[in-house]
Amino acid sequence: MVNKKAGMVVHPAHGNFTGTLVNALAYHIGEENSQFDTNDTRPGLVHRIDKNTSGLLVIAKNEKAKAHLARQFFNHTVNRRYQALVWGDFAEDEGTISGNIGRDPKDRKAMRLFPEDSGIGKPAITHYRVLERFGYVTLIECKLETGRTHQIRVHMKSQCHPLFGDDVYGGNKILRGTTFAKYRKFVENCFEIMPRQGLHAKTLEFVHPATKKIMSFDSEIPDDMKEVLAKWRIYAQAGMTFSNKDNEE
């Protein structure tokens, strides 16, 4: 199990050929290790999370374990829960977002939500529930039924709740709140503390490939996200937020 820090790329790609998690795994495993196929360019890697997302990744120690874990992800039997800080408030305490996710034809770096019957992209389902409300932003838990690229980020964007600080899906701008300079400075300070999307892969549960026992792991919210949450908590408790009707742009 690896608890990845935000900013680390999982596997080599254009612009990130070194310093990735896969590079570290290859070094750790060593060329003399015969547990993986020599043609496997991602030894041990079963799944991935985005560069600027922090949190848990399960790593296989051999090909048999990798295949067993990969089947669990394919069959959607792995329990994955994320915590996300998103813009805006929710009318409901929980819900489900579904729809196909595919590459955005207008922006190759982004993904986009398409209708389920469109034939474009792959089906994606995210269940969410509200953990804490701060008025202008909300802390939620997301349980993934599928694992598509940028799934939580795209699903939340589709509901007009982009992730706080997400520079790909518009969350790095002030989307809710007042026009007061003091508030603007407060939000900009939060962006400086956490210059990434507020998303953390917090818990992971799967069946161990060898023992067949259920393995459950939980990781602590990283310091940058924890500090931003603390600031919003103080801001909300001080009564400095307004009703949703007043804070829509």
C-alpha atoms as a PDB file:
ATOM      1  CA  MET A   1       0.000   0.000   0.000  1.00  0.00           C
ATOM      2  CA  VAL A   2       1.294   3.444  -0.948  1.00  0.00           C
ATOM      3  CA  ASN A   3       0.043   6.752   0.457  1.00  0.00           C
ATOM      4  CA  LYS A   4       0.867   9.061  -2.452  1.00  0.00           C
ATOM      5  CA  LYS A   5       1.607  12.723  -1.891  1.00  0.00           C
ATOM      6  CA  ALA A   6       0.000  15.344  -4.100  1.00  0.00           C
ATOM      7  CA  GLY A   7       2.297  16.387  -6.932  1.00  0.00           C
ATOM      8  CA  MET A   8       3.701  12.930  -7.640  1.00  0.00           C
ATOM      9  CA  VAL A   9       2.892  11.468 -11.059  1.00  0.00           C
ATOM     10  CA  VAL A  10       1.876   7.802 -10.939  1.00  0.00           C
ATOM     11  CA  HIS A  11       3.319   6.601 -14.252  1.00  0.00           C
ATOM     12  CA  PRO A  12       5.556   8.121 -16.957  1.00  0.00           C
ATOM     13  CA  ALA A  13       3.821  10.169 -19.649  1.00  0.00           C
ATOM     14  CA  HIS A  14       4.526  13.176 -21.844  1.00  0.00           C
ATOM     15  CA  GLY A  15       6.416  15.718 -19.762  1.00  0.00           C
ATOM     16  CA  ASN A  16       6.855  13.336 -16.813  1.00  0.00           C
ATOM     17  CA  PHE A  17       9.300  10.574 -17.722  1.00  0.00           C
ATOM     18  CA  THR A  18      11.180  10.441 -14.418  1.00  0.00           C
ATOM     19  CA  GLY A  19      10.404  10.827 -10.746  1.00  0.00           C
ATOM     20  CA  THR A  20       7.123   8.926 -11.015  1.00  0.00           C
ATOM     21  CA  LEU A  21       5.737   6.270  -8.716  1.00  0.00           C
ATOM     22  CA  VAL A  22       6.321   3.624 -11.392  1.00  0.00           C
ATOM     23  CA  ASN A  23       9.983   4.687 -11.629  1.00  0.00           C
ATOM     24  CA  ALA A  24      10.276   4.239  -7.876  1.00  0.00           C
ATOM     25  CA  LEU A  25       8.580   0.822  -8.017  1.00  0.00           C
ATOM     26  CA  ALA A  26      10.874  -0.344 -10.818  1.00  0.00           C
ATOM     27  CA  TYR A  27      13.903   0.702  -8.773  1.00  0.00           C
ATOM     28  CA  HIS A  28      12.527  -0.958  -5.636  1.00  0.00           C
ATOM     29  CA  ILE A  29      11.687  -4.203  -7.426  1.00  0.00           C
ATOM     30  CA  GLY A  30      14.972  -4.297  -9.331  1.00  0.00           C
ATOM     31  CA  GLU A  31      15.753  -5.829 -12.690  1.00  0.00           C
ATOM     32  CA  GLU A  32      16.803  -9.103 -11.086  1.00  0.00           C
ATOM     33  CA  ASN A  33      13.290  -9.633  -9.713  1.00  0.00           C
ATOM     34  CA  SER A  34      11.503 -12.200 -11.876  1.00  0.00           C
ATOM     35  CA  GLN A  35       8.056 -11.702 -10.320  1.00  0.00           C
ATOM     36  CA  PHE A  36       6.947  -9.476 -13.209  1.00  0.00           C
ATOM     37  CA  ASP A  37       7.002  -9.832 -16.964  1.00  0.00           C
ATOM     38  CA  THR A  38      10.020  -7.975 -18.354  1.00  0.00           C
ATOM     39  CA  ASN A  39       7.680  -6.346 -20.895  1.00  0.00           C
ATOM     40  CA  ASP A  40       5.485  -4.908 -18.127  1.00  0.00           C
ATOM     41  CA  THR A  41       6.057  -1.146 -18.250  1.00  0.00           C
ATOM     42  CA  ARG A  42       4.085  -0.608 -15.040  1.00  0.00           C
ATOM     43  CA  PRO A  43       5.247  -3.340 -12.653  1.00  0.00           C
ATOM     44  CA  GLY A  44       3.074  -3.574  -9.561  1.00  0.00           C
ATOM     45  CA  LEU A  45       0.697  -0.804 -10.627  1.00  0.00           C
ATOM     46  CA  VAL A  46      -2.950  -1.872 -10.435  1.00  0.00           C
ATOM     47  CA  HIS A  47      -4.699   1.500 -10.583  1.00  0.00           C
ATOM     48  CA  ARG A  48      -3.796   5.176 -10.404  1.00  0.00           C
ATOM     49  CA  ILE A  49      -4.864   8.552  -9.057  1.00  0.00           C
ATOM     50  CA  ASP A  50      -4.197  11.972 -10.570  1.00  0.00           C
ATOM     51  CA  LYS A  51      -0.911  13.808 -10.047  1.00  0.00           C
ATOM     52  CA  ASN A  52      -2.452  16.453  -7.776  1.00  0.00           C
ATOM     53  CA  THR A  53      -4.675  14.037  -5.874  1.00  0.00           C
ATOM     54  CA  SER A  54      -3.263  12.564  -2.665  1.00  0.00           C
ATOM     55  CA  GLY A  55      -4.006   9.251  -1.037  1.00  0.00           C
ATOM     56  CA  LEU A  56      -4.000   5.475  -1.196  1.00  0.00           C
ATOM     57  CA  LEU A  57      -2.857   3.161  -3.971  1.00  0.00           C
ATOM     58  CA  VAL A  58      -2.582  -0.617  -3.708  1.00  0.00           C
ATOM     59  CA  ILE A  59       0.582  -2.065  -5.256  1.00  0.00           C
ATOM     60  CA  ALA A  60       1.002  -5.716  -6.304  1.00  0.00           C
ATOM     61  CA  LYS A  61       4.210  -7.610  -5.495  1.00  0.00           C
ATOM     62  CA  ASN A  62       3.964 -10.104  -8.360  1.00  0.00           C
ATOM     63  CA  GLU A  63       2.058 -10.824 -11.573  1.00  0.00           C
ATOM     64  CA  LYS A  64      -0.422 -13.211  -9.923  1.00  0.00           C
ATOM     65  CA  ALA A  65      -1.343 -10.645  -7.271  1.00  0.00           C
ATOM     66  CA  LYS A  66      -1.584  -7.911  -9.899  1.00  0.00           C
ATOM     67  CA  ALA A  67      -3.998  -9.977 -11.999  1.00  0.00           C
ATOM     68  CA  HIS A  68      -6.144 -10.830  -8.957  1.00  0.00           C
ATOM     69  CA  LEU A  69      -6.336  -7.194  -7.822  1.00  0.00           C
ATOM     70  CA  ALA A  70      -6.988  -5.987 -11.368  1.00  0.00           C
ATOM     71  CA  ARG A  71     -10.007  -8.299 -11.582  1.00  0.00           C
ATOM     72  CA  GLN A  72     -11.414  -6.777  -8.403  1.00  0.00           C
ATOM     73  CA  PHE A  73     -11.121  -3.289  -9.886  1.00  0.00           C
ATOM     74  CA  PHE A  74     -12.642  -4.497 -13.166  1.00  0.00           C
ATOM     75  CA  ASN A  75     -15.566  -6.096 -11.328  1.00  0.00           C
ATOM     76  CA  HIS A  76     -16.043  -2.961  -9.179  1.00  0.00           C
ATOM     77  CA  THR A  77     -15.724  -4.912  -5.921  1.00  0.00           C
ATOM     78  CA  VAL A  78     -13.012  -2.654  -4.467  1.00  0.00           C
ATOM     79  CA  ASN A  79     -14.354  -0.178  -1.921  1.00  0.00           C
ATOM     80  CA  ARG A  80     -12.819   3.244  -2.592  1.00  0.00           C
ATOM     81  CA  ARG A  81     -13.795   6.379  -0.717  1.00  0.00           C
ATOM     82  CA  TYR A  82     -12.459   9.864  -1.325  1.00  0.00           C
ATOM     83  CA  GLN A  83     -12.919  13.132   0.500  1.00  0.00           C
ATOM     84  CA  ALA A  84     -13.348  16.207  -1.664  1.00  0.00           C
ATOM     85  CA  LEU A  85     -13.731  19.917  -1.020  1.00  0.00           C
ATOM     86  CA  VAL A  86     -16.086  21.356  -3.631  1.00  0.00           C
ATOM     87  CA  TRP A  87     -17.542  24.747  -4.451  1.00  0.00           C
ATOM     88  CA  GLY A  88     -21.112  25.517  -3.397  1.00  0.00           C
ATOM     89  CA  ASP A  89     -23.683  23.940  -1.116  1.00  0.00           C
ATOM     90  CA  PHE A  90     -25.906  20.928  -1.768  1.00  0.00           C
ATOM     91  CA  ALA A  91     -29.668  20.899  -1.370  1.00  0.00           C
ATOM     92  CA  GLU A  92     -29.506  17.220  -0.407  1.00  0.00           C
ATOM     93  CA  ASP A  93     -27.267  15.311   2.020  1.00  0.00           C
ATOM     94  CA  GLU A  94     -26.399  12.530  -0.422  1.00  0.00           C
ATOM     95  CA  GLY A  95     -26.880  11.480  -4.001  1.00  0.00           C
ATOM     96  CA  THR A  96     -25.600   9.589  -7.042  1.00  0.00           C
ATOM     97  CA  ILE A  97     -24.147  10.959 -10.262  1.00  0.00           C
ATOM     98  CA  SER A  98     -23.994   8.823 -13.389  1.00  0.00           C
ATOM     99  CA  GLY A  99     -23.154   9.280 -17.044  1.00  0.00           C
ATOM    100  CA  ASN A 100     -20.448   8.379 -19.511  1.00  0.00           C
ATOM    101  CA  ILE A 101     -17.025   9.946 -19.158  1.00  0.00           C
ATOM    102  CA  GLY A 102     -14.841  10.460 -22.206  1.00  0.00           C
ATOM    103  CA  ARG A 103     -12.173  12.775 -23.566  1.00  0.00           C
ATOM    104  CA  ASP A 104     -13.346  16.352 -24.082  1.00  0.00           C
ATOM    105  CA  PRO A 105     -13.158  16.972 -27.856  1.00  0.00           C
ATOM    106  CA  LYS A 106     -12.391  20.654 -27.213  1.00  0.00           C
ATOM    107  CA  ASP A 107      -9.683  20.095 -24.583  1.00  0.00           C
ATOM    108  CA  ARG A 108      -7.461  17.004 -24.761  1.00  0.00           C
ATOM    109  CA  LYS A 109      -6.271  17.522 -21.177  1.00  0.00           C
ATOM    110  CA  ALA A 110      -9.796  17.307 -19.795  1.00  0.00           C
ATOM    111  CA  MET A 111     -12.555  14.733 -19.619  1.00  0.00           C
ATOM    112  CA  ARG A 112     -16.247  15.387 -20.115  1.00  0.00           C
ATOM    113  CA  LEU A 113     -19.598  13.920 -19.097  1.00  0.00           C
ATOM    114  CA  PHE A 114     -21.774  12.488 -21.881  1.00  0.00           C
ATOM    115  CA  PRO A 115     -25.314  11.023 -21.780  1.00  0.00           C
ATOM    116  CA  GLU A 116     -25.451   7.325 -20.947  1.00  0.00           C
ATOM    117  CA  ASP A 117     -27.075   6.517 -24.300  1.00  0.00           C
ATOM    118  CA  SER A 118     -24.638   8.630 -26.339  1.00  0.00           C
ATOM    119  CA  GLY A 119     -22.238   5.806 -27.120  1.00  0.00           C
ATOM    120  CA  ILE A 120     -19.386   8.143 -26.176  1.00  0.00           C
ATOM    121  CA  GLY A 121     -17.023   7.399 -23.293  1.00  0.00           C
ATOM    122  CA  LYS A 122     -17.430   4.791 -20.574  1.00  0.00           C
ATOM    123  CA  PRO A 123     -20.137   4.465 -17.887  1.00  0.00           C
ATOM    124  CA  ALA A 124     -19.250   6.092 -14.568  1.00  0.00           C
ATOM    125  CA  ILE A 125     -21.093   6.141 -11.241  1.00  0.00           C
ATOM    126  CA  THR A 126     -20.203   8.185  -8.159  1.00  0.00           C
ATOM    127  CA  HIS A 127     -22.107   8.111  -4.863  1.00  0.00           C
ATOM    128  CA  TYR A 128     -21.585  11.100  -2.589  1.00  0.00           C
ATOM    129  CA  ARG A 129     -22.670  12.324   0.827  1.00  0.00           C
ATOM    130  CA  VAL A 130     -22.135  15.617   2.617  1.00  0.00           C
ATOM    131  CA  LEU A 131     -19.692  15.513   5.533  1.00  0.00           C
ATOM    132  CA  GLU A 132     -19.492  19.195   6.442  1.00  0.00           C
ATOM    133  CA  ARG A 133     -21.030  22.380   5.080  1.00  0.00           C
ATOM    134  CA  PHE A 134     -19.190  25.706   5.067  1.00  0.00           C
ATOM    135  CA  GLY A 135     -21.713  27.731   3.070  1.00  0.00           C
ATOM    136  CA  TYR A 136     -19.650  28.595   0.015  1.00  0.00           C
ATOM    137  CA  VAL A 137     -17.814  25.249  -0.091  1.00  0.00           C
ATOM    138  CA  THR A 138     -18.693  21.748   1.100  1.00  0.00           C
ATOM    139  CA  LEU A 139     -16.675  18.746   2.240  1.00  0.00           C
ATOM    140  CA  ILE A 140     -18.077  15.535   0.787  1.00  0.00           C
ATOM    141  CA  GLU A 141     -17.256  11.836   0.700  1.00  0.00           C
ATOM    142  CA  CYS A 142     -17.334  10.108  -2.679  1.00  0.00           C
ATOM    143  CA  LYS A 143     -17.646   6.364  -3.148  1.00  0.00           C
ATOM    144  CA  LEU A 144     -16.638   5.175  -6.591  1.00  0.00           C
ATOM    145  CA  GLU A 145     -18.589   2.412  -8.269  1.00  0.00           C
ATOM    146  CA  THR A 146     -16.363   2.782 -11.325  1.00  0.00           C
ATOM    147  CA  GLY A 147     -12.902   4.258 -11.765  1.00  0.00           C
ATOM    148  CA  ARG A 148     -12.745   6.521 -14.795  1.00  0.00           C
ATOM    149  CA  THR A 149     -10.130   9.193 -15.457  1.00  0.00           C
ATOM    150  CA  HIS A 150     -10.966  12.369 -13.482  1.00  0.00           C
ATOM    151  CA  GLN A 151     -14.261  10.740 -12.445  1.00  0.00           C
ATOM    152  CA  ILE A 152     -14.987  12.720  -9.278  1.00  0.00           C
ATOM    153  CA  ARG A 153     -13.689  15.943 -10.806  1.00  0.00           C
ATOM    154  CA  VAL A 154     -15.886  15.577 -13.908  1.00  0.00           C
ATOM    155  CA  HIS A 155     -18.976  14.455 -12.005  1.00  0.00           C
ATOM    156  CA  MET A 156     -18.761  17.335  -9.549  1.00  0.00           C
ATOM    157  CA  LYS A 157     -18.174  19.820 -12.390  1.00  0.00           C
ATOM    158  CA  SER A 158     -21.306  18.493 -14.095  1.00  0.00           C
ATOM    159  CA  GLN A 159     -23.320  19.354 -10.973  1.00  0.00           C
ATOM    160  CA  CYS A 160     -21.886  22.902 -10.836  1.00  0.00           C
ATOM    161  CA  HIS A 161     -19.747  21.888  -7.836  1.00  0.00           C
ATOM    162  CA  PRO A 162     -16.179  21.796  -9.225  1.00  0.00           C
ATOM    163  CA  LEU A 163     -13.466  20.785  -6.811  1.00  0.00           C
ATOM    164  CA  PHE A 164     -11.902  23.638  -4.881  1.00  0.00           C
ATOM    165  CA  GLY A 165      -8.599  24.576  -6.527  1.00  0.00           C
ATOM    166  CA  ASP A 166      -9.100  22.388  -9.628  1.00  0.00           C
ATOM    167  CA  ASP A 167      -7.310  24.259 -12.426  1.00  0.00           C
ATOM    168  CA  VAL A 168      -8.618  21.951 -15.173  1.00  0.00           C
ATOM    169  CA  TYR A 169     -12.316  22.196 -14.338  1.00  0.00           C
ATOM    170  CA  GLY A 170     -12.548  25.804 -13.180  1.00  0.00           C
ATOM    171  CA  GLY A 171     -12.321  25.321  -9.434  1.00  0.00           C
ATOM    172  CA  ASN A 172      -9.261  27.550  -9.100  1.00  0.00           C
ATOM    173  CA  LYS A 173     -11.453  30.654  -9.373  1.00  0.00           C
ATOM    174  CA  ILE A 174     -13.778  32.186  -6.790  1.00  0.00           C
ATOM    175  CA  LEU A 175     -17.099  30.636  -7.788  1.00  0.00           C
ATOM    176  CA  ARG A 176     -19.160  31.374  -4.683  1.00  0.00           C
ATOM    177  CA  GLY A 177     -19.128  34.139  -2.125  1.00  0.00           C
ATOM    178  CA  THR A 178     -19.079  37.878  -1.813  1.00  0.00           C
ATOM    179  CA  THR A 179     -17.270  40.596  -3.743  1.00  0.00           C
ATOM    180  CA  PHE A 180     -15.555  41.893  -0.599  1.00  0.00           C
ATOM    181  CA  ALA A 181     -11.769  42.229  -0.819  1.00  0.00           C
ATOM    182  CA  LYS A 182     -11.372  40.514   2.548  1.00  0.00           C
ATOM    183  CA  TYR A 183     -13.184  37.425   1.292  1.00  0.00           C
ATOM    184  CA  ARG A 184     -11.214  37.403  -1.966  1.00  0.00           C
ATOM    185  CA  LYS A 185      -7.955  37.557  -0.023  1.00  0.00           C
ATOM    186  CA  PHE A 186      -9.154  34.711   2.219  1.00  0.00           C
ATOM    187  CA  VAL A 187      -9.900  32.420  -0.741  1.00  0.00           C
ATOM    188  CA  GLU A 188      -6.664  33.318  -2.525  1.00  0.00           C
ATOM    189  CA  ASN A 189      -4.789  32.444   0.648  1.00  0.00           C
ATOM    190  CA  CYS A 190      -6.506  29.039   0.635  1.00  0.00           C
ATOM    191  CA  PHE A 191      -5.422  28.529  -2.988  1.00  0.00           C
ATOM    192  CA  GLU A 192      -1.835  29.313  -1.979  1.00  0.00           C
ATOM    193  CA  ILE A 193      -1.930  26.830   0.898  1.00  0.00           C
ATOM    194  CA  MET A 194      -3.365  24.077  -1.314  1.00  0.00           C
ATOM    195  CA  PRO A 195      -2.378  24.802  -4.943  1.00  0.00           C
ATOM    196  CA  ARG A 196      -4.218  21.755  -6.263  1.00  0.00           C
ATOM    197  CA  GLN A 197      -7.667  20.202  -6.312  1.00  0.00           C
ATOM    198  CA  GLY A 198      -9.010  19.373  -2.858  1.00  0.00           C
ATOM    199  CA  LEU A 199      -9.217  15.612  -3.354  1.00  0.00           C
ATOM    200  CA  HIS A 200      -7.832  12.808  -1.191  1.00  0.00           C
ATOM    201  CA  ALA A 201      -8.158   9.031  -1.676  1.00  0.00           C
ATOM    202  CA  LYS A 202      -8.854   8.294   1.971  1.00  0.00           C
ATOM    203  CA  THR A 203      -9.946   4.664   2.308  1.00  0.00           C
ATOM    204  CA  LEU A 204      -9.372   1.520   0.292  1.00  0.00           C
ATOM    205  CA  GLU A 205     -10.768  -1.962   0.887  1.00  0.00           C
ATOM    206  CA  PHE A 206     -10.124  -5.112  -1.155  1.00  0.00           C
ATOM    207  CA  VAL A 207      -9.627  -8.870  -0.873  1.00  0.00           C
ATOM    208  CA  HIS A 208      -6.025  -9.947  -0.335  1.00  0.00           C
ATOM    209  CA  PRO A 209      -4.856 -11.988  -3.373  1.00  0.00           C
ATOM    210  CA  ALA A 210      -3.207 -14.699  -1.247  1.00  0.00           C
ATOM    211  CA  THR A 211      -5.076 -14.896   2.069  1.00  0.00           C
ATOM    212  CA  LYS A 212      -8.472 -13.936   0.588  1.00  0.00           C
ATOM    213  CA  LYS A 213      -9.080 -11.810   3.696  1.00  0.00           C
ATOM    214  CA  ILE A 214     -10.656  -8.368   3.425  1.00  0.00           C
ATOM    215  CA  MET A 215      -8.007  -5.687   3.819  1.00  0.00           C
ATOM    216  CA  SER A 216      -9.050  -2.185   4.891  1.00  0.00           C
ATOM    217  CA  PHE A 217      -6.807   0.888   4.880  1.00  0.00           C
ATOM    218  CA  ASP A 218      -7.392   4.500   5.862  1.00  0.00           C
ATOM    219  CA  SER A 219      -5.114   7.491   5.355  1.00  0.00           C
ATOM    220  CA  GLU A 220      -5.116  10.822   7.142  1.00  0.00           C
ATOM    221  CA  ILE A 221      -6.074  13.988   5.286  1.00  0.00           C
ATOM    222  CA  PRO A 222      -2.797  15.683   4.197  1.00  0.00           C
ATOM    223  CA  ASP A 223      -1.644  18.859   5.910  1.00  0.00           C
ATOM    224  CA  ASP A 224      -2.437  21.281   3.070  1.00  0.00           C
ATOM    225  CA  MET A 225      -6.041  20.109   2.781  1.00  0.00           C
ATOM    226  CA  LYS A 226      -6.384  19.919   6.550  1.00  0.00           C
ATOM    227  CA  GLU A 227      -5.226  23.534   6.908  1.00  0.00           C
ATOM    228  CA  VAL A 228      -7.669  24.780   4.262  1.00  0.00           C
ATOM    229  CA  LEU A 229     -10.545  22.892   5.899  1.00  0.00           C
ATOM    230  CA  ALA A 230      -9.639  24.443   9.248  1.00  0.00           C
ATOM    231  CA  LYS A 231      -9.726  27.929   7.718  1.00  0.00           C
ATOM    232  CA  TRP A 232     -13.141  27.360   6.140  1.00  0.00           C
ATOM    233  CA  ARG A 233     -14.417  25.893   9.398  1.00  0.00           C
ATOM    234  CA  ILE A 234     -13.393  29.028  11.300  1.00  0.00           C
ATOM    235  CA  TYR A 235     -14.834  31.239   8.563  1.00  0.00           C
ATOM    236  CA  ALA A 236     -18.212  29.461   8.652  1.00  0.00           C
ATOM    237  CA  GLN A 237     -18.380  29.360  12.448  1.00  0.00           C
ATOM    238  CA  ALA A 238     -17.728  33.090  12.574  1.00  0.00           C
ATOM    239  CA  GLY A 239     -20.989  33.623  10.722  1.00  0.00           C
ATOM    240  CA  MET A 240     -19.311  35.260   7.729  1.00  0.00           C
ATOM    241  CA  THR A 241     -21.193  33.206   5.120  1.00  0.00           C
ATOM    242  CA  PHE A 242     -24.512  34.083   3.579  1.00  0.00           C
ATOM    243  CA  SER A 243     -27.427  32.136   2.133  1.00  0.00           C
ATOM    244  CA  ASN A 244     -26.995  30.300  -1.149  1.00  0.00           C
ATOM    245  CA  LYS A 245     -29.488  32.689  -2.758  1.00  0.00           C
ATOM    246  CA  ASP A 246     -27.105  35.571  -2.124  1.00  0.00           C
ATOM    247  CA  ASN A 247     -23.858  33.859  -3.104  1.00  0.00           C
ATOM    248  CA  GLU A 248     -24.672  32.648  -6.620  1.00  0.00           C
ATOM    249  CA  GLU A 249     -22.647  34.379  -9.309  1.00  0.00           C
END
